[in-house]
């Protein structure tokens, strides 16, 4: 059934409402003024140049990129086997395992951040790389499990059965048949877990320190004390990067399929 004209108009209005803040930030990011004002007094790329020369933000950007890459790899290594077991194997407690792995998504990140701080501080892991990786993995692994479960479930079990009849062990069949066919889902899971870690702010606020901080935390601190359009230029750069990553996921397997929806 084709959508009616009224439904299309409502969809357009919805898109305008959702995209209008980004359009406002885009205009301000090219402002020639010294403060966050709208409309801008003029247009210039000076704040994008200033962004590239800001050593504090660039250092935090590098930290966040490395952290997100490590978290994405760990989430795939941990979530991939769990997703395979949930999607392909029959065993008691499979539903409980799936529920436990997605449980962190049900809790507010404020609660998770405080709990992580209380656990990691006595162990000396607060404001350290292992502590940040552990904290971000807590919210990234559920996404990896959800997406990889969908990817593995989409591979016909007959392919594995055919490999078994040809002499392959269950492990060999999973490694050489199921995993390559689920590779687009693995890439999508890696991209989205990277973005989840890269964008994580609340948990990071509890776990960072003066010598180890992430880009979202530095953005928060910068916006507290400075009112120039540089933060808008950074925001637009991150929006463009996230949009490209989402388009990659959509290209690989469809965003709705990646999130486990029909």
Protein backbone atom coordinates (compact mmCIF):
# COMPACT_ATOMS: atom_id res chain seq x y z
CA UNK A 1 0.00 0.00 0.00
CA UNK A 2 1.44 3.36 -1.06
CA UNK A 3 1.63 6.17 1.52
CA UNK A 4 -0.93 8.91 1.10
CA UNK A 5 -0.04 12.51 0.34
CA UNK A 6 -0.89 13.54 3.91
CA UNK A 7 1.43 10.87 5.31
CA UNK A 8 4.24 12.02 3.04
CA UNK A 9 3.74 15.62 4.16
CA UNK A 10 3.82 14.57 7.80
CA UNK A 11 7.03 12.62 7.13
CA UNK A 12 8.59 15.69 5.51
CA UNK A 13 7.60 17.85 8.49
CA UNK A 14 9.10 15.26 10.81
CA UNK A 15 12.36 15.26 8.88
CA UNK A 16 12.47 19.06 8.98
CA UNK A 17 11.97 19.07 12.74
CA UNK A 18 14.69 16.46 13.24
CA UNK A 19 17.20 18.04 10.86
CA UNK A 20 16.64 21.72 11.73
CA UNK A 21 19.03 21.66 14.74
CA UNK A 22 21.77 20.18 12.57
CA UNK A 23 21.12 22.84 9.91
CA UNK A 24 21.40 25.53 12.58
CA UNK A 25 24.70 24.11 13.84
CA UNK A 26 25.96 23.91 10.23
CA UNK A 27 25.32 27.62 9.67
CA UNK A 28 26.91 28.62 12.97
CA UNK A 29 29.99 26.45 12.28
CA UNK A 30 30.77 28.69 9.29
CA UNK A 31 30.24 31.90 11.27
CA UNK A 32 32.81 34.65 10.95
CA UNK A 33 31.92 35.95 14.41
CA UNK A 34 33.65 35.33 17.71
CA UNK A 35 30.58 34.08 19.57
CA UNK A 36 27.70 31.64 19.09
CA UNK A 37 25.13 33.93 17.52
CA UNK A 38 22.37 33.44 14.99
CA UNK A 39 22.16 34.63 12.32
CA UNK A 40 25.94 34.68 11.81
CA UNK A 41 27.45 38.10 11.09
CA UNK A 42 29.34 36.55 8.16
CA UNK A 43 30.62 33.28 6.83
CA UNK A 44 34.11 31.85 7.11
CA UNK A 45 35.97 28.56 7.54
CA UNK A 46 38.13 30.03 10.31
CA UNK A 47 36.68 27.76 13.00
CA UNK A 48 37.42 24.59 11.07
CA UNK A 49 41.02 25.80 10.73
CA UNK A 50 41.08 26.63 14.46
CA UNK A 51 39.69 23.18 15.22
CA UNK A 52 42.55 21.48 13.40
CA UNK A 53 45.01 23.56 15.43
CA UNK A 54 43.43 22.90 18.84
CA UNK A 55 45.87 20.46 20.45
CA UNK A 56 43.61 19.57 23.40
CA UNK A 57 40.65 18.56 21.25
CA UNK A 58 42.84 16.81 18.68
CA UNK A 59 44.54 14.81 21.42
CA UNK A 60 41.16 13.83 22.84
CA UNK A 61 40.03 12.91 19.32
CA UNK A 62 42.96 10.53 18.96
CA UNK A 63 42.21 8.98 22.35
CA UNK A 64 38.55 8.47 21.47
CA UNK A 65 39.40 6.97 18.07
CA UNK A 66 41.87 4.48 19.55
CA UNK A 67 39.51 3.65 22.40
CA UNK A 68 36.55 3.12 20.06
CA UNK A 69 38.61 0.89 17.77
CA UNK A 70 39.75 -1.28 20.69
CA UNK A 71 36.20 -1.49 22.06
CA UNK A 72 34.84 -2.48 18.63
CA UNK A 73 37.38 -5.30 18.33
CA UNK A 74 36.73 -6.56 21.87
CA UNK A 75 32.96 -6.34 21.37
CA UNK A 76 33.21 -8.46 18.20
CA UNK A 77 35.52 -11.01 19.81
CA UNK A 78 33.26 -11.38 22.84
CA UNK A 79 29.86 -10.79 21.25
CA UNK A 80 30.46 -12.82 18.08
CA UNK A 81 30.72 -16.26 19.72
CA UNK A 82 27.86 -15.44 22.08
CA UNK A 83 25.70 -14.34 19.15
CA UNK A 84 26.54 -17.54 17.25
CA UNK A 85 25.51 -19.65 20.24
CA UNK A 86 22.23 -17.76 20.62
CA UNK A 87 21.38 -17.85 16.91
CA UNK A 88 22.59 -21.32 15.90
CA UNK A 89 22.71 -23.61 18.93
CA UNK A 90 20.02 -25.18 21.07
CA UNK A 91 20.87 -25.32 24.78
CA UNK A 92 19.16 -24.70 28.12
CA UNK A 93 19.29 -21.09 29.24
CA UNK A 94 19.76 -19.63 25.78
CA UNK A 95 17.06 -17.02 26.40
CA UNK A 96 18.56 -16.14 29.78
CA UNK A 97 21.98 -15.65 28.17
CA UNK A 98 20.49 -13.35 25.52
CA UNK A 99 18.68 -11.35 28.20
CA UNK A 100 21.80 -10.98 30.35
CA UNK A 101 23.90 -9.79 27.42
CA UNK A 102 21.39 -7.07 26.54
CA UNK A 103 20.60 -6.09 30.16
CA UNK A 104 23.08 -3.14 30.30
CA UNK A 105 20.99 -1.34 27.67
CA UNK A 106 18.06 -1.27 30.10
CA UNK A 107 19.96 0.69 32.75
CA UNK A 108 20.62 4.44 32.60
CA UNK A 109 24.23 5.20 31.71
CA UNK A 110 24.39 7.43 34.81
CA UNK A 111 23.80 4.35 36.99
CA UNK A 112 26.31 2.30 34.97
CA UNK A 113 28.94 5.04 35.21
CA UNK A 114 28.59 5.40 38.98
CA UNK A 115 28.65 1.61 39.47
CA UNK A 116 31.77 1.29 37.31
CA UNK A 117 33.51 4.05 39.25
CA UNK A 118 32.73 2.36 42.58
CA UNK A 119 34.05 -0.97 41.30
CA UNK A 120 37.09 0.23 39.34
CA UNK A 121 38.37 2.90 41.76
CA UNK A 122 39.45 0.43 44.50
CA UNK A 123 41.15 -1.68 41.81
CA UNK A 124 43.14 1.28 40.54
CA UNK A 125 41.50 1.09 37.11
CA UNK A 126 39.73 4.46 37.10
CA UNK A 127 41.23 6.93 34.61
CA UNK A 128 43.12 4.13 32.87
CA UNK A 129 42.87 2.56 29.44
CA UNK A 130 41.69 -0.83 30.76
CA UNK A 131 39.00 0.88 32.84
CA UNK A 132 37.71 2.94 29.92
CA UNK A 133 37.71 -0.08 27.60
CA UNK A 134 35.80 -2.13 30.17
CA UNK A 135 33.27 0.64 30.75
CA UNK A 136 32.62 1.20 27.06
CA UNK A 137 32.45 -2.54 26.34
CA UNK A 138 29.64 -2.79 28.85
CA UNK A 139 27.38 -0.81 26.50
CA UNK A 140 28.99 -1.83 23.20
CA UNK A 141 28.83 -5.62 23.56
CA UNK A 142 25.00 -5.73 23.70
CA UNK A 143 24.86 -3.94 20.33
CA UNK A 144 27.37 -6.38 18.85
CA UNK A 145 25.41 -9.37 20.16
CA UNK A 146 22.12 -8.03 18.81
CA UNK A 147 23.45 -7.31 15.34
CA UNK A 148 25.55 -10.46 15.05
CA UNK A 149 22.64 -12.63 16.23
CA UNK A 150 20.58 -11.23 13.36
CA UNK A 151 23.44 -11.81 10.92
CA UNK A 152 24.02 -15.43 11.98
CA UNK A 153 20.30 -16.18 12.00
CA UNK A 154 20.13 -15.04 8.36
CA UNK A 155 22.60 -17.70 7.19
CA UNK A 156 20.73 -20.90 6.17
CA UNK A 157 21.55 -23.81 8.46
CA UNK A 158 21.53 -26.08 5.40
CA UNK A 159 24.90 -24.62 4.38
CA UNK A 160 26.50 -25.84 7.60
CA UNK A 161 24.78 -29.21 7.25
CA UNK A 162 26.18 -29.58 3.74
CA UNK A 163 29.67 -28.83 5.04
CA UNK A 164 29.27 -31.48 7.73
CA UNK A 165 28.34 -34.10 5.15
CA UNK A 166 31.54 -33.23 3.27
CA UNK A 167 33.68 -33.94 6.32
CA UNK A 168 33.95 -30.53 8.00
CA UNK A 169 33.76 -30.36 11.78
CA UNK A 170 31.14 -28.04 13.34
CA UNK A 171 33.92 -25.56 14.16
CA UNK A 172 35.30 -25.63 10.61
CA UNK A 173 31.81 -25.18 9.15
CA UNK A 174 31.13 -22.22 11.43
CA UNK A 175 34.49 -20.63 10.63
CA UNK A 176 34.55 -21.21 6.86
CA UNK A 177 30.86 -21.17 5.95
CA UNK A 178 28.72 -19.28 8.48
CA UNK A 179 31.16 -16.54 9.45
CA UNK A 180 32.02 -15.42 5.87
CA UNK A 181 28.30 -15.27 5.03
CA UNK A 182 27.69 -13.20 8.15
CA UNK A 183 30.64 -10.87 7.43
CA UNK A 184 28.46 -7.86 6.44
CA UNK A 185 26.73 -8.12 9.81
CA UNK A 186 30.10 -8.29 11.56
CA UNK A 187 31.25 -5.14 9.77
CA UNK A 188 27.98 -3.40 10.66
CA UNK A 189 28.40 -4.46 14.30
CA UNK A 190 31.97 -3.17 14.30
CA UNK A 191 30.92 0.19 12.85
CA UNK A 192 28.03 0.71 15.26
CA UNK A 193 30.00 -0.38 18.34
CA UNK A 194 32.76 2.01 17.26
CA UNK A 195 30.20 4.84 17.14
CA UNK A 196 28.68 3.82 20.48
CA UNK A 197 32.08 3.99 22.16
CA UNK A 198 33.19 7.13 20.31
CA UNK A 199 30.02 8.98 21.36
CA UNK A 200 29.82 7.72 24.95
CA UNK A 201 29.83 10.67 27.34
CA UNK A 202 28.19 9.83 30.68
CA UNK A 203 30.25 6.73 31.51
CA UNK A 204 33.40 8.50 30.33
CA UNK A 205 32.73 11.42 32.69
CA UNK A 206 33.04 9.00 35.61
CA UNK A 207 36.13 7.21 34.35
CA UNK A 208 38.39 9.82 32.74
CA UNK A 209 41.19 11.70 34.49
CA UNK A 210 43.37 14.76 33.92
CA UNK A 211 45.81 12.80 31.74
CA UNK A 212 43.32 10.55 29.96
CA UNK A 213 40.16 12.04 28.52
CA UNK A 214 37.87 11.48 25.56
CA UNK A 215 36.54 13.84 22.92
CA UNK A 216 32.90 13.99 24.18
CA UNK A 217 34.17 14.90 27.66
CA UNK A 218 36.48 17.58 26.26
CA UNK A 219 33.61 18.93 24.17
CA UNK A 220 31.48 19.15 27.30
CA UNK A 221 34.25 20.99 29.16
CA UNK A 222 34.94 23.31 26.23
CA UNK A 223 31.26 24.26 25.91
CA UNK A 224 31.13 25.04 29.64
CA UNK A 225 33.83 27.71 29.45
CA UNK A 226 33.85 28.94 25.84
CA UNK A 227 31.11 30.33 23.59
CA UNK A 228 32.82 30.50 20.20
CA UNK A 229 31.65 28.59 17.08
CA UNK A 230 34.57 26.15 17.21
CA UNK A 231 32.39 23.67 19.08
CA UNK A 232 29.83 23.91 16.27
CA UNK A 233 32.52 23.13 13.70
CA UNK A 234 33.53 20.07 15.73
CA UNK A 235 29.91 18.98 16.09
CA UNK A 236 29.34 19.17 12.33
CA UNK A 237 32.51 17.18 11.67
CA UNK A 238 31.29 14.44 14.02
CA UNK A 239 27.78 14.49 12.52
CA UNK A 240 29.21 14.03 9.03
CA UNK A 241 31.43 11.18 10.23
CA UNK A 242 28.54 9.41 11.99
CA UNK A 243 26.31 9.83 8.92
CA UNK A 244 28.95 8.20 6.73
CA UNK A 245 29.23 5.27 9.14
CA UNK A 246 25.46 4.79 9.23
CA UNK A 247 25.35 4.87 5.44
CA UNK A 248 28.01 2.17 5.43
CA UNK A 249 25.84 -0.01 7.68
CA UNK A 250 22.82 0.65 5.48
CA UNK A 251 24.86 -0.27 2.42
CA UNK A 252 26.06 -3.53 3.96
CA UNK A 253 22.88 -5.00 5.41
CA UNK A 254 20.25 -2.32 5.96
CA UNK A 255 19.99 -0.38 9.19
CA UNK A 256 16.67 -1.93 10.23
CA UNK A 257 18.01 -5.44 9.60
CA UNK A 258 21.18 -4.61 11.52
CA UNK A 259 19.13 -3.61 14.56
CA UNK A 260 17.12 -6.81 14.38
CA UNK A 261 13.86 -5.45 12.96
CA UNK A 262 11.89 -6.85 10.08
